[in-house]
Amino acid sequence: MMPFFYFFTDPPQLESGPKDTAAILNTSVLLPCYGRGTPPPTPVWTHSSLPQQPVGSGWVSEDARVDRDGTLILTPQTTDQGGTWTCSLVSEAGVAHARAWLTLVAARHAPPPIITIPPTNQTLPARTHAILHCRAQGPPTPTVTWYRGAAPLRTDGDRVSIDKNGDLTITRLKARWKGVGWAGRTWAAWS
């Protein structure tokens, strides 16, 4: 009797696809494209102005490359690289697509970052902790830097930390540790 083999397939499914993004020319832009399926799908990228020239994993050019996981990493030199980028996960079991619009502007035309959640004044007792929120947005995504006086605030990871969103956390407050600080152009007082 001949052995019987049954091969299971699972169409590609995107786990992380690109999102509409605004960026400044000559800065890095990452557009993810990865997912799962059986057999494992191959990520392929196309651009609205180059629909006949798909690029896949391992592709490298002067200002772009595709990582092994399918992430497109661009450092666009001209606004022509903006527009629609399409990620396709391709396998024998099917295809999954995701599209994103990339808006590119020259640095001199980029608006300044906007502080969407400024820090607020807080008066707290000693030996408690304070969380000062500061959120900002803009192309590219701004980095929040906290200052105490004129110097950038040093974080130690234990008592003073700044999370990825820009929020400042100070634990075990001391009565002598009061002052005025600022994040970007927004001032905050703490004690």
N, C-alpha and C. Protein backbone atom coordinates (compact mmCIF):
# COMPACT_ATOMS: atom_id res chain seq x y z
N MET A 1 0.84 -1.17 0.00
CA MET A 1 0.00 0.00 0.00
C MET A 1 0.90 1.24 0.00
N MET A 2 0.51 2.22 -0.78
CA MET A 2 1.27 3.46 -0.90
C MET A 2 0.97 4.38 0.28
N PRO A 3 2.01 5.03 0.83
CA PRO A 3 1.74 5.97 1.91
C PRO A 3 0.95 7.18 1.38
N PHE A 4 0.10 7.69 2.22
CA PHE A 4 -0.73 8.83 1.85
C PHE A 4 -0.26 10.05 2.64
N PHE A 5 0.03 11.13 1.94
CA PHE A 5 0.46 12.37 2.59
C PHE A 5 -0.60 13.43 2.37
N TYR A 6 -0.87 14.14 3.41
CA TYR A 6 -1.80 15.25 3.31
C TYR A 6 -1.05 16.50 3.76
N PHE A 7 -1.02 17.52 2.92
CA PHE A 7 -0.29 18.74 3.22
C PHE A 7 -1.28 19.84 3.59
N PHE A 8 -1.16 20.34 4.80
CA PHE A 8 -2.04 21.40 5.26
C PHE A 8 -1.50 22.74 4.80
N THR A 9 -2.39 23.63 4.36
CA THR A 9 -2.00 24.99 4.01
C THR A 9 -2.86 25.95 4.81
N ASP A 10 -2.27 27.09 5.07
CA ASP A 10 -2.96 28.16 5.79
C ASP A 10 -2.64 29.45 5.05
N PRO A 11 -3.63 30.13 4.50
CA PRO A 11 -3.34 31.34 3.73
C PRO A 11 -2.60 32.39 4.58
N PRO A 12 -1.80 33.23 3.94
CA PRO A 12 -1.07 34.27 4.68
C PRO A 12 -2.01 35.20 5.44
N GLN A 13 -1.60 35.56 6.63
CA GLN A 13 -2.33 36.53 7.45
C GLN A 13 -1.34 37.54 7.98
N LEU A 14 -1.64 38.81 7.77
CA LEU A 14 -0.77 39.88 8.27
C LEU A 14 -0.88 40.00 9.77
N GLU A 15 0.25 40.02 10.45
CA GLU A 15 0.27 40.28 11.90
C GLU A 15 0.63 41.73 12.15
N SER A 16 1.45 42.29 11.27
CA SER A 16 1.81 43.70 11.38
C SER A 16 2.04 44.24 9.99
N GLY A 17 1.22 45.20 9.60
CA GLY A 17 1.34 45.80 8.28
C GLY A 17 1.65 47.27 8.38
N PRO A 18 1.93 47.91 7.26
CA PRO A 18 2.28 49.33 7.27
C PRO A 18 1.08 50.19 7.60
N LYS A 19 1.36 51.37 8.16
CA LYS A 19 0.33 52.36 8.48
C LYS A 19 0.68 53.65 7.76
N ASP A 20 -0.33 54.47 7.46
CA ASP A 20 -0.07 55.76 6.85
C ASP A 20 0.90 56.53 7.73
N THR A 21 1.92 57.12 7.08
CA THR A 21 3.02 57.73 7.82
C THR A 21 3.42 59.03 7.16
N ALA A 22 3.80 60.01 7.98
CA ALA A 22 4.39 61.26 7.49
C ALA A 22 5.82 61.31 8.00
N ALA A 23 6.75 61.72 7.15
CA ALA A 23 8.16 61.75 7.54
C ALA A 23 8.87 62.89 6.82
N ILE A 24 10.02 63.23 7.34
CA ILE A 24 10.87 64.26 6.75
C ILE A 24 11.88 63.58 5.85
N LEU A 25 12.15 64.19 4.70
CA LEU A 25 13.15 63.65 3.78
C LEU A 25 14.47 63.42 4.50
N ASN A 26 15.18 62.39 4.09
CA ASN A 26 16.50 62.03 4.63
C ASN A 26 16.46 61.53 6.07
N THR A 27 15.27 61.13 6.56
CA THR A 27 15.17 60.48 7.87
C THR A 27 14.65 59.07 7.63
N SER A 28 14.95 58.16 8.53
CA SER A 28 14.55 56.76 8.35
C SER A 28 13.07 56.56 8.60
N VAL A 29 12.47 55.73 7.77
CA VAL A 29 11.06 55.35 7.88
C VAL A 29 11.00 53.83 7.87
N LEU A 30 10.31 53.25 8.83
CA LEU A 30 10.14 51.80 8.89
C LEU A 30 8.69 51.45 8.64
N LEU A 31 8.45 50.60 7.63
CA LEU A 31 7.12 50.12 7.32
C LEU A 31 7.13 48.60 7.51
N PRO A 32 6.47 48.09 8.55
CA PRO A 32 6.50 46.64 8.81
C PRO A 32 5.61 45.86 7.85
N CYS A 33 5.97 44.61 7.65
CA CYS A 33 5.17 43.71 6.83
C CYS A 33 5.54 42.28 7.23
N TYR A 34 4.85 41.74 8.20
CA TYR A 34 5.10 40.35 8.53
C TYR A 34 3.82 39.69 9.01
N GLY A 35 3.82 38.39 8.83
CA GLY A 35 2.64 37.63 9.17
C GLY A 35 2.97 36.15 9.25
N ARG A 36 1.92 35.36 9.13
CA ARG A 36 2.11 33.91 9.26
C ARG A 36 1.29 33.21 8.21
N GLY A 37 1.54 31.94 8.09
CA GLY A 37 0.83 31.11 7.13
C GLY A 37 1.63 29.84 6.89
N THR A 38 0.99 28.85 6.26
CA THR A 38 1.66 27.60 5.92
C THR A 38 1.43 27.33 4.44
N PRO A 39 2.48 27.30 3.67
CA PRO A 39 3.89 27.53 4.02
C PRO A 39 4.11 28.99 4.40
N PRO A 40 5.26 29.28 5.07
CA PRO A 40 5.53 30.66 5.47
C PRO A 40 5.51 31.60 4.26
N PRO A 41 4.79 32.73 4.36
CA PRO A 41 4.71 33.64 3.23
C PRO A 41 5.98 34.47 3.05
N THR A 42 6.19 34.92 1.83
CA THR A 42 7.31 35.80 1.50
C THR A 42 6.78 37.22 1.38
N PRO A 43 7.38 38.19 2.12
CA PRO A 43 6.92 39.58 2.00
C PRO A 43 7.49 40.21 0.72
N VAL A 44 6.63 40.92 0.01
CA VAL A 44 7.01 41.61 -1.23
C VAL A 44 6.43 43.01 -1.19
N TRP A 45 7.24 44.01 -1.54
CA TRP A 45 6.82 45.41 -1.53
C TRP A 45 6.71 45.94 -2.96
N THR A 46 5.70 46.79 -3.19
CA THR A 46 5.60 47.54 -4.44
C THR A 46 5.26 48.98 -4.11
N HIS A 47 5.63 49.88 -5.01
CA HIS A 47 5.35 51.31 -4.85
C HIS A 47 4.44 51.74 -5.98
N SER A 48 3.59 52.72 -5.72
CA SER A 48 2.61 53.15 -6.72
C SER A 48 3.24 53.60 -8.03
N SER A 49 4.47 54.12 -7.99
CA SER A 49 5.10 54.56 -9.24
C SER A 49 5.93 53.46 -9.89
N LEU A 50 6.13 52.34 -9.18
CA LEU A 50 6.92 51.23 -9.72
C LEU A 50 6.17 49.91 -9.57
N PRO A 51 4.93 49.82 -10.04
CA PRO A 51 4.14 48.61 -9.76
C PRO A 51 4.71 47.33 -10.37
N GLN A 52 5.53 47.43 -11.39
CA GLN A 52 6.07 46.24 -12.04
C GLN A 52 7.39 45.78 -11.44
N GLN A 53 7.88 46.47 -10.42
CA GLN A 53 9.18 46.12 -9.85
C GLN A 53 9.06 45.81 -8.36
N PRO A 54 8.50 44.65 -8.00
CA PRO A 54 8.40 44.30 -6.58
C PRO A 54 9.77 44.02 -5.98
N VAL A 55 9.90 44.31 -4.69
CA VAL A 55 11.15 44.04 -3.97
C VAL A 55 10.83 43.20 -2.75
N GLY A 56 11.72 42.27 -2.44
CA GLY A 56 11.48 41.37 -1.33
C GLY A 56 12.61 41.34 -0.34
N SER A 57 12.53 40.39 0.59
CA SER A 57 13.49 40.23 1.67
C SER A 57 14.92 40.18 1.13
N GLY A 58 15.79 40.96 1.76
CA GLY A 58 17.19 40.99 1.36
C GLY A 58 17.50 42.04 0.31
N TRP A 59 16.47 42.67 -0.28
CA TRP A 59 16.69 43.69 -1.30
C TRP A 59 17.32 44.92 -0.67
N VAL A 60 18.30 45.51 -1.34
CA VAL A 60 19.00 46.70 -0.85
C VAL A 60 19.21 47.66 -2.01
N SER A 61 18.98 48.95 -1.77
CA SER A 61 19.32 49.99 -2.74
C SER A 61 20.06 51.09 -2.00
N GLU A 62 20.32 52.18 -2.69
CA GLU A 62 21.06 53.29 -2.09
C GLU A 62 20.35 53.87 -0.87
N ASP A 63 19.03 53.92 -0.90
CA ASP A 63 18.29 54.57 0.18
C ASP A 63 17.16 53.72 0.75
N ALA A 64 17.20 52.41 0.51
CA ALA A 64 16.15 51.53 1.04
C ALA A 64 16.66 50.10 1.12
N ARG A 65 15.99 49.34 1.98
CA ARG A 65 16.28 47.91 2.07
C ARG A 65 15.07 47.21 2.69
N VAL A 66 14.99 45.91 2.46
CA VAL A 66 13.94 45.11 3.07
C VAL A 66 14.62 44.10 3.99
N ASP A 67 14.29 44.17 5.29
CA ASP A 67 14.86 43.24 6.26
C ASP A 67 14.29 41.84 6.05
N ARG A 68 14.93 40.87 6.70
CA ARG A 68 14.51 39.48 6.60
C ARG A 68 13.07 39.28 7.06
N ASP A 69 12.61 40.09 8.04
CA ASP A 69 11.23 39.94 8.53
C ASP A 69 10.21 40.65 7.64
N GLY A 70 10.69 41.33 6.57
CA GLY A 70 9.78 41.99 5.65
C GLY A 70 9.64 43.49 5.86
N THR A 71 10.26 44.04 6.91
CA THR A 71 10.17 45.47 7.17
C THR A 71 10.91 46.25 6.09
N LEU A 72 10.22 47.22 5.50
CA LEU A 72 10.84 48.11 4.52
C LEU A 72 11.43 49.28 5.27
N ILE A 73 12.72 49.51 5.09
CA ILE A 73 13.42 50.61 5.76
C ILE A 73 13.88 51.58 4.68
N LEU A 74 13.28 52.76 4.69
CA LEU A 74 13.58 53.79 3.69
C LEU A 74 14.29 54.96 4.33
N THR A 75 15.17 55.58 3.58
CA THR A 75 15.71 56.89 3.91
C THR A 75 15.48 57.72 2.64
N PRO A 76 14.23 58.18 2.45
CA PRO A 76 13.86 58.81 1.20
C PRO A 76 14.63 60.10 0.93
N GLN A 77 15.12 60.22 -0.31
CA GLN A 77 15.88 61.39 -0.73
C GLN A 77 14.99 62.40 -1.46
N THR A 78 13.92 61.91 -2.09
CA THR A 78 13.02 62.78 -2.86
C THR A 78 11.58 62.46 -2.51
N THR A 79 10.70 63.43 -2.76
CA THR A 79 9.28 63.22 -2.46
C THR A 79 8.65 62.18 -3.38
N ASP A 80 9.33 61.82 -4.49
CA ASP A 80 8.82 60.77 -5.38
C ASP A 80 8.69 59.43 -4.66
N GLN A 81 9.43 59.24 -3.58
CA GLN A 81 9.35 57.97 -2.85
C GLN A 81 8.15 57.93 -1.91
N GLY A 82 7.44 59.05 -1.82
CA GLY A 82 6.19 59.07 -1.09
C GLY A 82 5.12 58.42 -1.94
N GLY A 83 3.91 58.35 -1.42
CA GLY A 83 2.82 57.75 -2.16
C GLY A 83 2.42 56.43 -1.54
N THR A 84 1.81 55.58 -2.31
CA THR A 84 1.29 54.31 -1.80
C THR A 84 2.35 53.22 -1.86
N TRP A 85 2.62 52.62 -0.72
CA TRP A 85 3.48 51.43 -0.63
C TRP A 85 2.56 50.27 -0.27
N THR A 86 2.71 49.17 -1.00
CA THR A 86 1.89 47.98 -0.76
C THR A 86 2.77 46.82 -0.35
N CYS A 87 2.40 46.20 0.74
CA CYS A 87 3.08 45.00 1.23
C CYS A 87 2.18 43.82 0.88
N SER A 88 2.77 42.81 0.29
CA SER A 88 2.03 41.58 -0.02
C SER A 88 2.75 40.40 0.61
N LEU A 89 2.01 39.56 1.31
CA LEU A 89 2.55 38.31 1.83
C LEU A 89 2.09 37.23 0.86
N VAL A 90 3.05 36.57 0.23
CA VAL A 90 2.75 35.65 -0.86
C VAL A 90 3.21 34.24 -0.51
N SER A 91 2.33 33.26 -0.75
CA SER A 91 2.70 31.85 -0.60
C SER A 91 1.84 31.03 -1.55
N GLU A 92 2.09 29.74 -1.59
CA GLU A 92 1.29 28.84 -2.42
C GLU A 92 -0.17 28.82 -1.96
N ALA A 93 -0.41 29.18 -0.69
CA ALA A 93 -1.75 29.12 -0.13
C ALA A 93 -2.55 30.40 -0.37
N GLY A 94 -1.91 31.45 -0.90
CA GLY A 94 -2.65 32.68 -1.15
C GLY A 94 -1.80 33.92 -0.98
N VAL A 95 -2.49 35.07 -0.91
CA VAL A 95 -1.83 36.37 -0.81
C VAL A 95 -2.62 37.24 0.17
N ALA A 96 -1.91 38.03 0.97
CA ALA A 96 -2.53 39.03 1.84
C ALA A 96 -1.86 40.36 1.51
N HIS A 97 -2.64 41.45 1.45
CA HIS A 97 -2.12 42.77 1.10
C HIS A 97 -2.41 43.77 2.20
N ALA A 98 -1.52 44.76 2.31
CA ALA A 98 -1.76 45.92 3.17
C ALA A 98 -1.11 47.12 2.48
N ARG A 99 -1.78 48.27 2.54
CA ARG A 99 -1.27 49.47 1.89
C ARG A 99 -1.12 50.58 2.90
N ALA A 100 -0.15 51.46 2.63
CA ALA A 100 0.05 52.64 3.47
C ALA A 100 0.45 53.81 2.58
N TRP A 101 0.02 54.99 2.96
CA TRP A 101 0.37 56.21 2.25
C TRP A 101 1.53 56.86 3.00
N LEU A 102 2.61 57.13 2.27
CA LEU A 102 3.79 57.77 2.85
C LEU A 102 3.85 59.21 2.35
N THR A 103 3.73 60.16 3.27
CA THR A 103 3.83 61.58 2.97
C THR A 103 5.23 62.04 3.35
N LEU A 104 5.93 62.67 2.41
CA LEU A 104 7.29 63.14 2.66
C LEU A 104 7.35 64.65 2.49
N VAL A 105 8.03 65.31 3.43
CA VAL A 105 8.21 66.75 3.35
C VAL A 105 9.67 67.09 3.63
N ALA A 106 10.13 68.20 3.08
CA ALA A 106 11.47 68.69 3.36
C ALA A 106 11.49 69.24 4.79
N ALA A 107 12.62 69.15 5.46
CA ALA A 107 12.73 69.60 6.86
C ALA A 107 12.28 71.05 7.02
N ARG A 108 12.61 71.90 6.07
CA ARG A 108 12.25 73.32 6.21
C ARG A 108 10.74 73.55 6.13
N HIS A 109 9.99 72.57 5.60
CA HIS A 109 8.54 72.71 5.49
C HIS A 109 7.79 71.94 6.58
N ALA A 110 8.52 71.23 7.40
CA ALA A 110 7.87 70.42 8.44
C ALA A 110 7.39 71.32 9.58
N PRO A 111 6.19 71.07 10.06
CA PRO A 111 5.71 71.86 11.20
C PRO A 111 6.45 71.44 12.47
N PRO A 112 6.53 72.34 13.46
CA PRO A 112 7.17 71.94 14.71
C PRO A 112 6.31 70.91 15.44
N PRO A 113 6.92 70.14 16.33
CA PRO A 113 6.12 69.16 17.09
C PRO A 113 5.06 69.88 17.92
N ILE A 114 3.98 69.18 18.19
CA ILE A 114 2.89 69.73 19.00
C ILE A 114 2.81 68.92 20.28
N ILE A 115 2.81 69.62 21.42
CA ILE A 115 2.64 68.95 22.71
C ILE A 115 1.15 68.75 22.91
N THR A 116 0.70 67.50 22.85
CA THR A 116 -0.72 67.19 22.93
C THR A 116 -1.20 66.99 24.37
N ILE A 117 -0.31 66.54 25.25
CA ILE A 117 -0.64 66.41 26.67
C ILE A 117 0.51 67.05 27.44
N PRO A 118 0.33 68.29 27.89
CA PRO A 118 1.41 68.95 28.63
C PRO A 118 1.44 68.48 30.08
N PRO A 119 2.61 68.61 30.73
CA PRO A 119 2.68 68.26 32.14
C PRO A 119 1.83 69.23 32.97
N THR A 120 1.36 68.77 34.13
CA THR A 120 0.58 69.62 35.02
C THR A 120 1.30 69.75 36.35
N ASN A 121 1.03 70.85 37.03
CA ASN A 121 1.62 71.07 38.35
C ASN A 121 1.07 70.04 39.33
N GLN A 122 1.95 69.57 40.23
CA GLN A 122 1.55 68.61 41.25
C GLN A 122 2.22 68.97 42.55
N THR A 123 1.50 68.88 43.64
CA THR A 123 2.07 69.01 44.97
C THR A 123 1.79 67.70 45.68
N LEU A 124 2.85 67.00 46.06
CA LEU A 124 2.71 65.66 46.62
C LEU A 124 3.51 65.54 47.90
N PRO A 125 3.09 64.66 48.81
CA PRO A 125 3.86 64.46 50.03
C PRO A 125 5.16 63.68 49.76
N ALA A 126 6.11 63.85 50.67
CA ALA A 126 7.38 63.11 50.57
C ALA A 126 7.11 61.62 50.63
N ARG A 127 8.02 60.84 50.07
CA ARG A 127 8.00 59.38 50.05
C ARG A 127 6.87 58.80 49.19
N THR A 128 6.24 59.63 48.36
CA THR A 128 5.28 59.11 47.39
C THR A 128 5.96 59.20 46.02
N HIS A 129 5.21 58.97 44.97
CA HIS A 129 5.81 59.10 43.65
C HIS A 129 4.96 60.02 42.78
N ALA A 130 5.62 60.60 41.78
CA ALA A 130 4.96 61.52 40.85
C ALA A 130 5.12 60.99 39.43
N ILE A 131 4.07 61.16 38.67
CA ILE A 131 4.13 60.86 37.24
C ILE A 131 3.72 62.14 36.52
N LEU A 132 4.64 62.68 35.74
CA LEU A 132 4.37 63.87 34.95
C LEU A 132 4.26 63.44 33.50
N HIS A 133 3.08 63.65 32.94
CA HIS A 133 2.83 63.24 31.56
C HIS A 133 3.28 64.33 30.60
N CYS A 134 3.80 63.92 29.47
CA CYS A 134 4.11 64.84 28.39
C CYS A 134 4.07 64.03 27.10
N ARG A 135 3.12 64.34 26.24
CA ARG A 135 2.99 63.64 24.96
C ARG A 135 3.11 64.67 23.85
N ALA A 136 3.79 64.27 22.80
CA ALA A 136 3.97 65.16 21.65
C ALA A 136 3.79 64.37 20.37
N GLN A 137 3.41 65.08 19.31
CA GLN A 137 3.27 64.43 18.01
C GLN A 137 3.82 65.33 16.92
N GLY A 138 4.14 64.74 15.82
CA GLY A 138 4.63 65.47 14.66
C GLY A 138 5.41 64.55 13.75
N PRO A 139 5.59 64.99 12.52
CA PRO A 139 6.46 64.20 11.65
C PRO A 139 7.87 64.77 11.69
N PRO A 140 8.87 63.99 11.99
CA PRO A 140 8.79 62.65 12.53
C PRO A 140 8.35 62.69 13.99
N THR A 141 8.08 61.53 14.57
CA THR A 141 7.66 61.47 15.97
C THR A 141 8.73 62.09 16.85
N PRO A 142 8.38 63.12 17.63
CA PRO A 142 9.39 63.79 18.45
C PRO A 142 9.81 62.96 19.65
N THR A 143 11.00 63.24 20.14
CA THR A 143 11.50 62.65 21.38
C THR A 143 11.33 63.68 22.47
N VAL A 144 10.72 63.29 23.59
CA VAL A 144 10.52 64.20 24.72
C VAL A 144 11.76 64.16 25.59
N THR A 145 12.32 65.33 25.87
CA THR A 145 13.47 65.46 26.77
C THR A 145 13.05 66.33 27.94
N TRP A 146 13.26 65.84 29.16
CA TRP A 146 12.93 66.58 30.36
C TRP A 146 14.17 67.31 30.87
N TYR A 147 13.93 68.51 31.42
CA TYR A 147 15.01 69.32 31.97
C TYR A 147 14.67 69.68 33.40
N ARG A 148 15.70 69.85 34.22
CA ARG A 148 15.55 70.42 35.55
C ARG A 148 16.48 71.61 35.57
N GLY A 149 15.89 72.78 35.63
CA GLY A 149 16.69 73.98 35.42
C GLY A 149 17.07 74.03 33.95
N ALA A 150 18.35 74.26 33.68
CA ALA A 150 18.81 74.35 32.30
C ALA A 150 19.44 73.05 31.81
N ALA A 151 19.56 72.05 32.69
CA ALA A 151 20.25 70.81 32.33
C ALA A 151 19.26 69.68 32.07
N PRO A 152 19.55 68.82 31.08
CA PRO A 152 18.69 67.66 30.87
C PRO A 152 18.63 66.81 32.14
N LEU A 153 17.46 66.31 32.45
CA LEU A 153 17.26 65.51 33.65
C LEU A 153 17.94 64.16 33.48
N ARG A 154 18.76 63.81 34.45
CA ARG A 154 19.43 62.49 34.41
C ARG A 154 18.48 61.45 34.98
N THR A 155 18.38 60.35 34.27
CA THR A 155 17.55 59.25 34.76
C THR A 155 18.47 58.17 35.30
N ASP A 156 18.01 57.53 36.36
CA ASP A 156 18.83 56.46 36.95
C ASP A 156 18.13 55.10 36.85
N GLY A 157 16.92 55.09 36.29
CA GLY A 157 16.20 53.83 36.14
C GLY A 157 15.58 53.33 37.43
N ASP A 158 15.99 53.89 38.56
CA ASP A 158 15.46 53.47 39.85
C ASP A 158 14.47 54.51 40.37
N ARG A 159 14.98 55.69 40.72
CA ARG A 159 14.11 56.75 41.25
C ARG A 159 13.53 57.63 40.15
N VAL A 160 14.29 57.86 39.10
CA VAL A 160 13.87 58.77 38.04
C VAL A 160 13.91 58.03 36.72
N SER A 161 12.76 57.99 36.03
CA SER A 161 12.73 57.30 34.73
C SER A 161 11.80 58.05 33.79
N ILE A 162 12.06 57.87 32.50
CA ILE A 162 11.22 58.44 31.45
C ILE A 162 10.82 57.28 30.55
N ASP A 163 9.52 57.09 30.38
CA ASP A 163 9.08 55.96 29.55
C ASP A 163 9.07 56.35 28.08
N LYS A 164 8.76 55.37 27.22
CA LYS A 164 8.83 55.58 25.77
C LYS A 164 7.83 56.63 25.29
N ASN A 165 6.78 56.90 26.07
CA ASN A 165 5.80 57.92 25.69
C ASN A 165 6.23 59.32 26.11
N GLY A 166 7.30 59.42 26.92
CA GLY A 166 7.77 60.72 27.38
C GLY A 166 7.35 61.06 28.80
N ASP A 167 6.64 60.16 29.48
CA ASP A 167 6.20 60.44 30.86
C ASP A 167 7.37 60.29 31.83
N LEU A 168 7.47 61.24 32.73
CA LEU A 168 8.51 61.25 33.75
C LEU A 168 7.95 60.67 35.04
N THR A 169 8.62 59.68 35.61
CA THR A 169 8.22 59.09 36.88
C THR A 169 9.34 59.32 37.89
N ILE A 170 8.97 59.88 39.05
CA ILE A 170 9.91 60.10 40.15
C ILE A 170 9.35 59.36 41.34
N THR A 171 10.10 58.38 41.87
CA THR A 171 9.64 57.62 43.02
C THR A 171 10.34 58.12 44.29
N ARG A 172 9.75 57.79 45.41
CA ARG A 172 10.30 58.15 46.72
C ARG A 172 10.71 59.63 46.76
N LEU A 173 9.72 60.51 46.54
CA LEU A 173 9.98 61.94 46.53
C LEU A 173 10.58 62.39 47.86
N LYS A 174 11.47 63.34 47.77
CA LYS A 174 12.07 63.94 48.95
C LYS A 174 11.63 65.39 49.03
N ALA A 175 11.45 65.90 50.26
CA ALA A 175 10.96 67.26 50.43
C ALA A 175 11.91 68.27 49.78
N ARG A 176 13.20 67.98 49.79
CA ARG A 176 14.15 68.93 49.20
C ARG A 176 14.18 68.85 47.68
N TRP A 177 13.55 67.81 47.13
CA TRP A 177 13.58 67.62 45.68
C TRP A 177 12.37 68.28 45.06
N LYS A 178 12.36 69.58 45.07
CA LYS A 178 11.28 70.29 44.43
C LYS A 178 11.90 71.24 43.43
N GLY A 179 11.12 71.63 42.48
CA GLY A 179 11.71 72.52 41.50
C GLY A 179 10.80 72.74 40.32
N VAL A 180 11.40 73.33 39.33
CA VAL A 180 10.68 73.60 38.09
C VAL A 180 11.44 72.92 36.98
N GLY A 181 10.73 72.21 36.15
CA GLY A 181 11.35 71.54 35.02
C GLY A 181 10.52 71.79 33.79
N TRP A 182 11.01 71.34 32.67
CA TRP A 182 10.23 71.51 31.46
C TRP A 182 10.52 70.40 30.48
N ALA A 183 9.52 70.13 29.67
CA ALA A 183 9.64 69.14 28.61
C ALA A 183 9.34 69.88 27.32
N GLY A 184 10.31 69.94 26.45
CA GLY A 184 10.13 70.71 25.22
C GLY A 184 9.95 72.17 25.59
N ARG A 185 8.84 72.77 25.21
CA ARG A 185 8.57 74.17 25.53
C ARG A 185 7.54 74.32 26.64
N THR A 186 7.19 73.25 27.31
CA THR A 186 6.17 73.28 28.35
C THR A 186 6.84 73.16 29.71
N TRP A 187 6.47 74.04 30.61
CA TRP A 187 7.06 74.05 31.96
C TRP A 187 6.21 73.26 32.92
N ALA A 188 6.85 72.62 33.88
CA ALA A 188 6.13 71.88 34.92
C ALA A 188 6.86 72.08 36.24
N ALA A 189 6.10 72.21 37.29
CA ALA A 189 6.71 72.33 38.62
C ALA A 189 6.38 71.08 39.40
N TRP A 190 7.31 70.62 40.20
CA TRP A 190 7.03 69.48 41.06
C TRP A 190 7.68 69.69 42.41
N SER A 191 7.13 69.03 43.39
CA SER A 191 7.73 69.07 44.74
C SER A 191 7.42 67.78 45.44
